[in-house]
Amino acid sequence: MSTSNEAIAEKLAAIEEELRDLAYERLADAARDPDSDAGARAAAEEKRLLQARRAVAKAISVLAPAPSFDD
């Protein structure tokens, strides 16, 4: 992997971690009061954050080098 790709993958990894943390917070918010409007909004936001996190994780995997089995 080129240095440029490595730098981008590292930035994306930080973003992916932040999205994971935000999604977890929204999931906790939704679990606290699942029947309220705020709980429903938190659940919907958690789903969007999870979708974004998956997209970022996919981008990281595209940029990551293929594993070497030469060892």
PDB file of N, CA and C in Angstrom:
ATOM      1  N   MET A   1       0.860  -1.175   0.000  1.00  0.00           N
ATOM      2  CA  MET A   1       0.000   0.000   0.000  1.00  0.00           C
ATOM      3  C   MET A   1       0.894   1.221   0.000  1.00  0.00           C
ATOM      4  N   SER A   2       0.516   2.195  -0.761  1.00  0.00           N
ATOM      5  CA  SER A   2       1.312   3.420  -0.820  1.00  0.00           C
ATOM      6  C   SER A   2       1.126   4.218   0.470  1.00  0.00           C
ATOM      7  N   THR A   3       2.070   5.079   0.711  1.00  0.00           N
ATOM      8  CA  THR A   3       2.021   5.923   1.905  1.00  0.00           C
ATOM      9  C   THR A   3       0.758   6.769   1.921  1.00  0.00           C
ATOM     10  N   SER A   4       0.370   7.260   0.757  1.00  0.00           N
ATOM     11  CA  SER A   4      -0.842   8.061   0.648  1.00  0.00           C
ATOM     12  C   SER A   4      -2.071   7.247   1.054  1.00  0.00           C
ATOM     13  N   ASN A   5      -2.160   6.022   0.550  1.00  0.00           N
ATOM     14  CA  ASN A   5      -3.289   5.157   0.904  1.00  0.00           C
ATOM     15  C   ASN A   5      -3.282   4.825   2.394  1.00  0.00           C
ATOM     16  N   GLU A   6      -2.102   4.597   2.954  1.00  0.00           N
ATOM     17  CA  GLU A   6      -1.995   4.295   4.385  1.00  0.00           C
ATOM     18  C   GLU A   6      -2.498   5.464   5.223  1.00  0.00           C
ATOM     19  N   ALA A   7      -2.139   6.667   4.833  1.00  0.00           N
ATOM     20  CA  ALA A   7      -2.576   7.855   5.567  1.00  0.00           C
ATOM     21  C   ALA A   7      -4.091   8.008   5.504  1.00  0.00           C
ATOM     22  N   ILE A   8      -4.646   7.787   4.348  1.00  0.00           N
ATOM     23  CA  ILE A   8      -6.104   7.883   4.194  1.00  0.00           C
ATOM     24  C   ILE A   8      -6.790   6.783   5.007  1.00  0.00           C
ATOM     25  N   ALA A   9      -6.258   5.569   4.958  1.00  0.00           N
ATOM     26  CA  ALA A   9      -6.840   4.461   5.724  1.00  0.00           C
ATOM     27  C   ALA A   9      -6.803   4.751   7.221  1.00  0.00           C
ATOM     28  N   GLU A  10      -5.726   5.358   7.699  1.00  0.00           N
ATOM     29  CA  GLU A  10      -5.637   5.713   9.120  1.00  0.00           C
ATOM     30  C   GLU A  10      -6.688   6.762   9.490  1.00  0.00           C
ATOM     31  N   LYS A  11      -6.871   7.753   8.647  1.00  0.00           N
ATOM     32  CA  LYS A  11      -7.893   8.781   8.901  1.00  0.00           C
ATOM     33  C   LYS A  11      -9.282   8.156   8.903  1.00  0.00           C
ATOM     34  N   LEU A  12      -9.512   7.273   7.938  1.00  0.00           N
ATOM     35  CA  LEU A  12     -10.817   6.605   7.867  1.00  0.00           C
ATOM     36  C   LEU A  12     -11.050   5.722   9.096  1.00  0.00           C
ATOM     37  N   ALA A  13      -9.994   5.090   9.589  1.00  0.00           N
ATOM     38  CA  ALA A  13     -10.129   4.250  10.784  1.00  0.00           C
ATOM     39  C   ALA A  13     -10.561   5.093  11.985  1.00  0.00           C
ATOM     40  N   ALA A  14     -10.016   6.297  12.105  1.00  0.00           N
ATOM     41  CA  ALA A  14     -10.418   7.192  13.189  1.00  0.00           C
ATOM     42  C   ALA A  14     -11.877   7.613  13.033  1.00  0.00           C
ATOM     43  N   ILE A  15     -12.279   7.896  11.806  1.00  0.00           N
ATOM     44  CA  ILE A  15     -13.673   8.265  11.537  1.00  0.00           C
ATOM     45  C   ILE A  15     -14.599   7.090  11.841  1.00  0.00           C
ATOM     46  N   GLU A  16     -14.183   5.893  11.455  1.00  0.00           N
ATOM     47  CA  GLU A  16     -14.991   4.700  11.704  1.00  0.00           C
ATOM     48  C   GLU A  16     -15.186   4.497  13.195  1.00  0.00           C
ATOM     49  N   GLU A  17     -14.145   4.710  13.974  1.00  0.00           N
ATOM     50  CA  GLU A  17     -14.242   4.572  15.425  1.00  0.00           C
ATOM     51  C   GLU A  17     -15.189   5.615  16.013  1.00  0.00           C
ATOM     52  N   GLU A  18     -15.111   6.839  15.525  1.00  0.00           N
ATOM     53  CA  GLU A  18     -16.000   7.891  15.994  1.00  0.00           C
ATOM     54  C   GLU A  18     -17.457   7.585  15.652  1.00  0.00           C
ATOM     55  N   LEU A  19     -17.684   7.093  14.449  1.00  0.00           N
ATOM     56  CA  LEU A  19     -19.048   6.709  14.063  1.00  0.00           C
ATOM     57  C   LEU A  19     -19.571   5.576  14.928  1.00  0.00           C
ATOM     58  N   ARG A  20     -18.702   4.625  15.256  1.00  0.00           N
ATOM     59  CA  ARG A  20     -19.095   3.508  16.124  1.00  0.00           C
ATOM     60  C   ARG A  20     -19.509   4.030  17.499  1.00  0.00           C
ATOM     61  N   ASP A  21     -18.718   4.951  18.047  1.00  0.00           N
ATOM     62  CA  ASP A  21     -19.042   5.518  19.357  1.00  0.00           C
ATOM     63  C   ASP A  21     -20.362   6.281  19.326  1.00  0.00           C
ATOM     64  N   LEU A  22     -20.568   7.078  18.286  1.00  0.00           N
ATOM     65  CA  LEU A  22     -21.823   7.827  18.166  1.00  0.00           C
ATOM     66  C   LEU A  22     -23.019   6.892  18.026  1.00  0.00           C
ATOM     67  N   ALA A  23     -22.859   5.839  17.235  1.00  0.00           N
ATOM     68  CA  ALA A  23     -23.953   4.881  17.059  1.00  0.00           C
ATOM     69  C   ALA A  23     -24.288   4.206  18.380  1.00  0.00           C
ATOM     70  N   TYR A  24     -23.259   3.863  19.153  1.00  0.00           N
ATOM     71  CA  TYR A  24     -23.491   3.233  20.452  1.00  0.00           C
ATOM     72  C   TYR A  24     -24.254   4.180  21.387  1.00  0.00           C
ATOM     73  N   GLU A  25     -23.889   5.459  21.372  1.00  0.00           N
ATOM     74  CA  GLU A  25     -24.587   6.439  22.194  1.00  0.00           C
ATOM     75  C   GLU A  25     -26.057   6.541  21.795  1.00  0.00           C
ATOM     76  N   ARG A  26     -26.316   6.570  20.489  1.00  0.00           N
ATOM     77  CA  ARG A  26     -27.711   6.664  20.025  1.00  0.00           C
ATOM     78  C   ARG A  26     -28.483   5.404  20.377  1.00  0.00           C
ATOM     79  N   LEU A  27     -27.837   4.258  20.299  1.00  0.00           N
ATOM     80  CA  LEU A  27     -28.485   2.999  20.667  1.00  0.00           C
ATOM     81  C   LEU A  27     -28.859   3.012  22.147  1.00  0.00           C
ATOM     82  N   ALA A  28     -27.962   3.520  22.979  1.00  0.00           N
ATOM     83  CA  ALA A  28     -28.257   3.633  24.412  1.00  0.00           C
ATOM     84  C   ALA A  28     -29.417   4.596  24.644  1.00  0.00           C
ATOM     85  N   ASP A  29     -29.429   5.723  23.902  1.00  0.00           N
ATOM     86  CA  ASP A  29     -30.535   6.678  24.014  1.00  0.00           C
ATOM     87  C   ASP A  29     -31.854   6.019  23.638  1.00  0.00           C
ATOM     88  N   ALA A  30     -31.853   5.259  22.567  1.00  0.00           N
ATOM     89  CA  ALA A  30     -33.073   4.591  22.105  1.00  0.00           C
ATOM     90  C   ALA A  30     -33.533   3.542  23.111  1.00  0.00           C
ATOM     91  N   ALA A  31     -32.594   2.852  23.733  1.00  0.00           N
ATOM     92  CA  ALA A  31     -32.946   1.799  24.696  1.00  0.00           C
ATOM     93  C   ALA A  31     -33.535   2.382  25.978  1.00  0.00           C
ATOM     94  N   ARG A  32     -33.123   3.599  26.329  1.00  0.00           N
ATOM     95  CA  ARG A  32     -33.639   4.223  27.551  1.00  0.00           C
ATOM     96  C   ARG A  32     -35.140   4.465  27.489  1.00  0.00           C
ATOM     97  N   ASP A  33     -35.626   4.851  26.325  1.00  0.00           N
ATOM     98  CA  ASP A  33     -37.053   5.165  26.189  1.00  0.00           C
ATOM     99  C   ASP A  33     -37.503   4.811  24.772  1.00  0.00           C
ATOM    100  N   PRO A  34     -37.611   3.514  24.477  1.00  0.00           N
ATOM    101  CA  PRO A  34     -37.877   3.092  23.099  1.00  0.00           C
ATOM    102  C   PRO A  34     -39.239   3.512  22.542  1.00  0.00           C
ATOM    103  N   ASP A  35     -40.194   3.794  23.416  1.00  0.00           N
ATOM    104  CA  ASP A  35     -41.539   4.122  22.940  1.00  0.00           C
ATOM    105  C   ASP A  35     -41.775   5.614  22.726  1.00  0.00           C
ATOM    106  N   SER A  36     -40.802   6.437  23.055  1.00  0.00           N
ATOM    107  CA  SER A  36     -40.975   7.882  22.893  1.00  0.00           C
ATOM    108  C   SER A  36     -40.525   8.318  21.500  1.00  0.00           C
ATOM    109  N   ASP A  37     -40.893   9.535  21.138  1.00  0.00           N
ATOM    110  CA  ASP A  37     -40.441  10.104  19.869  1.00  0.00           C
ATOM    111  C   ASP A  37     -38.924  10.258  19.855  1.00  0.00           C
ATOM    112  N   ALA A  38     -38.364  10.679  20.992  1.00  0.00           N
ATOM    113  CA  ALA A  38     -36.912  10.841  21.084  1.00  0.00           C
ATOM    114  C   ALA A  38     -36.211   9.499  20.918  1.00  0.00           C
ATOM    115  N   GLY A  39     -36.784   8.454  21.480  1.00  0.00           N
ATOM    116  CA  GLY A  39     -36.205   7.118  21.331  1.00  0.00           C
ATOM    117  C   GLY A  39     -36.258   6.643  19.892  1.00  0.00           C
ATOM    118  N   ALA A  40     -37.359   6.932  19.220  1.00  0.00           N
ATOM    119  CA  ALA A  40     -37.487   6.540  17.808  1.00  0.00           C
ATOM    120  C   ALA A  40     -36.496   7.313  16.938  1.00  0.00           C
ATOM    121  N   ARG A  41     -36.331   8.607  17.232  1.00  0.00           N
ATOM    122  CA  ARG A  41     -35.345   9.401  16.482  1.00  0.00           C
ATOM    123  C   ARG A  41     -33.927   8.894  16.726  1.00  0.00           C
ATOM    124  N   ALA A  42     -33.633   8.541  17.966  1.00  0.00           N
ATOM    125  CA  ALA A  42     -32.303   8.022  18.293  1.00  0.00           C
ATOM    126  C   ALA A  42     -32.052   6.689  17.587  1.00  0.00           C
ATOM    127  N   ALA A  43     -33.061   5.834  17.516  1.00  0.00           N
ATOM    128  CA  ALA A  43     -32.917   4.558  16.822  1.00  0.00           C
ATOM    129  C   ALA A  43     -32.684   4.772  15.329  1.00  0.00           C
ATOM    130  N   ALA A  44     -33.412   5.712  14.740  1.00  0.00           N
ATOM    131  CA  ALA A  44     -33.233   6.005  13.314  1.00  0.00           C
ATOM    132  C   ALA A  44     -31.842   6.577  13.054  1.00  0.00           C
ATOM    133  N   GLU A  45     -31.380   7.451  13.936  1.00  0.00           N
ATOM    134  CA  GLU A  45     -30.045   8.028  13.763  1.00  0.00           C
ATOM    135  C   GLU A  45     -28.974   6.942  13.929  1.00  0.00           C
ATOM    136  N   GLU A  46     -29.173   6.035  14.863  1.00  0.00           N
ATOM    137  CA  GLU A  46     -28.227   4.941  15.066  1.00  0.00           C
ATOM    138  C   GLU A  46     -28.092   4.107  13.799  1.00  0.00           C
ATOM    139  N   LYS A  47     -29.206   3.859  13.127  1.00  0.00           N
ATOM    140  CA  LYS A  47     -29.164   3.086  11.885  1.00  0.00           C
ATOM    141  C   LYS A  47     -28.387   3.813  10.792  1.00  0.00           C
ATOM    142  N   ARG A  48     -28.584   5.131  10.687  1.00  0.00           N
ATOM    143  CA  ARG A  48     -27.832   5.914   9.701  1.00  0.00           C
ATOM    144  C   ARG A  48     -26.342   5.917  10.019  1.00  0.00           C
ATOM    145  N   LEU A  49     -26.004   6.065  11.291  1.00  0.00           N
ATOM    146  CA  LEU A  49     -24.599   6.044  11.697  1.00  0.00           C
ATOM    147  C   LEU A  49     -23.963   4.683  11.414  1.00  0.00           C
ATOM    148  N   LEU A  50     -24.710   3.626  11.666  1.00  0.00           N
ATOM    149  CA  LEU A  50     -24.209   2.280  11.396  1.00  0.00           C
ATOM    150  C   LEU A  50     -23.969   2.089   9.898  1.00  0.00           C
ATOM    151  N   GLN A  51     -24.877   2.590   9.073  1.00  0.00           N
ATOM    152  CA  GLN A  51     -24.704   2.497   7.626  1.00  0.00           C
ATOM    153  C   GLN A  51     -23.452   3.270   7.186  1.00  0.00           C
ATOM    154  N   ALA A  52     -23.258   4.446   7.743  1.00  0.00           N
ATOM    155  CA  ALA A  52     -22.073   5.241   7.414  1.00  0.00           C
ATOM    156  C   ALA A  52     -20.805   4.530   7.879  1.00  0.00           C
ATOM    157  N   ARG A  53     -20.838   3.940   9.070  1.00  0.00           N
ATOM    158  CA  ARG A  53     -19.674   3.225   9.590  1.00  0.00           C
ATOM    159  C   ARG A  53     -19.308   2.052   8.698  1.00  0.00           C
ATOM    160  N   ARG A  54     -20.315   1.335   8.238  1.00  0.00           N
ATOM    161  CA  ARG A  54     -20.055   0.203   7.342  1.00  0.00           C
ATOM    162  C   ARG A  54     -19.434   0.666   6.032  1.00  0.00           C
ATOM    163  N   ALA A  55     -19.898   1.788   5.514  1.00  0.00           N
ATOM    164  CA  ALA A  55     -19.334   2.319   4.269  1.00  0.00           C
ATOM    165  C   ALA A  55     -17.875   2.711   4.463  1.00  0.00           C
ATOM    166  N   VAL A  56     -17.567   3.327   5.597  1.00  0.00           N
ATOM    167  CA  VAL A  56     -16.186   3.709   5.880  1.00  0.00           C
ATOM    168  C   VAL A  56     -15.326   2.461   6.065  1.00  0.00           C
ATOM    169  N   ALA A  57     -15.852   1.459   6.766  1.00  0.00           N
ATOM    170  CA  ALA A  57     -15.107   0.204   6.948  1.00  0.00           C
ATOM    171  C   ALA A  57     -14.824  -0.464   5.601  1.00  0.00           C
ATOM    172  N   LYS A  58     -15.771  -0.390   4.700  1.00  0.00           N
ATOM    173  CA  LYS A  58     -15.565  -0.953   3.366  1.00  0.00           C
ATOM    174  C   LYS A  58     -14.462  -0.196   2.631  1.00  0.00           C
ATOM    175  N   ALA A  59     -14.461   1.126   2.749  1.00  0.00           N
ATOM    176  CA  ALA A  59     -13.415   1.928   2.114  1.00  0.00           C
ATOM    177  C   ALA A  59     -12.043   1.572   2.683  1.00  0.00           C
ATOM    178  N   ILE A  60     -11.977   1.354   3.980  1.00  0.00           N
ATOM    179  CA  ILE A  60     -10.713   0.960   4.604  1.00  0.00           C
ATOM    180  C   ILE A  60     -10.242  -0.373   4.032  1.00  0.00           C
ATOM    181  N   SER A  61     -11.155  -1.315   3.887  1.00  0.00           N
ATOM    182  CA  SER A  61     -10.768  -2.634   3.376  1.00  0.00           C
ATOM    183  C   SER A  61     -10.311  -2.558   1.921  1.00  0.00           C
ATOM    184  N   VAL A  62     -10.860  -1.632   1.163  1.00  0.00           N
ATOM    185  CA  VAL A  62     -10.430  -1.453  -0.231  1.00  0.00           C
ATOM    186  C   VAL A  62      -9.019  -0.883  -0.280  1.00  0.00           C
ATOM    187  N   LEU A  63      -8.708   0.013   0.636  1.00  0.00           N
ATOM    188  CA  LEU A  63      -7.394   0.641   0.654  1.00  0.00           C
ATOM    189  C   LEU A  63      -6.325  -0.240   1.302  1.00  0.00           C
ATOM    190  N   ALA A  64      -6.751  -1.160   2.149  1.00  0.00           N
ATOM    191  CA  ALA A  64      -5.797  -2.009   2.871  1.00  0.00           C
ATOM    192  C   ALA A  64      -5.146  -2.996   1.907  1.00  0.00           C
ATOM    193  N   PRO A  65      -3.909  -3.330   2.168  1.00  0.00           N
ATOM    194  CA  PRO A  65      -3.242  -4.304   1.292  1.00  0.00           C
ATOM    195  C   PRO A  65      -3.837  -5.699   1.473  1.00  0.00           C
ATOM    196  N   ALA A  66      -3.782  -6.471   0.435  1.00  0.00           N
ATOM    197  CA  ALA A  66      -4.226  -7.866   0.529  1.00  0.00           C
ATOM    198  C   ALA A  66      -3.274  -8.620   1.443  1.00  0.00           C
ATOM    199  N   PRO A  67      -3.799  -9.529   2.262  1.00  0.00           N
ATOM    200  CA  PRO A  67      -2.910 -10.273   3.156  1.00  0.00           C
ATOM    201  C   PRO A  67      -1.947 -11.150   2.355  1.00  0.00           C
ATOM    202  N   SER A  68      -0.739 -11.244   2.867  1.00  0.00           N
ATOM    203  CA  SER A  68       0.288 -12.052   2.219  1.00  0.00           C
ATOM    204  C   SER A  68       0.409 -13.376   2.939  1.00  0.00           C
ATOM    205  N   PHE A  69       0.384 -14.462   2.185  1.00  0.00           N
ATOM    206  CA  PHE A  69       0.465 -15.783   2.768  1.00  0.00           C
ATOM    207  C   PHE A  69       1.811 -16.424   2.452  1.00  0.00           C
ATOM    208  N   ASP A  70       2.821 -15.602   2.220  1.00  0.00           N
ATOM    209  CA  ASP A  70       4.138 -16.091   1.856  1.00  0.00           C
ATOM    210  C   ASP A  70       4.951 -16.568   3.058  1.00  0.00           C
ATOM    211  N   ASP A  71       4.462 -16.299   4.270  1.00  0.00           N
ATOM    212  CA  ASP A  71       5.233 -16.665   5.461  1.00  0.00           C
ATOM    213  C   ASP A  71       5.342 -18.133   5.672  1.00  0.00           C
TER     214      ASP A  71
END
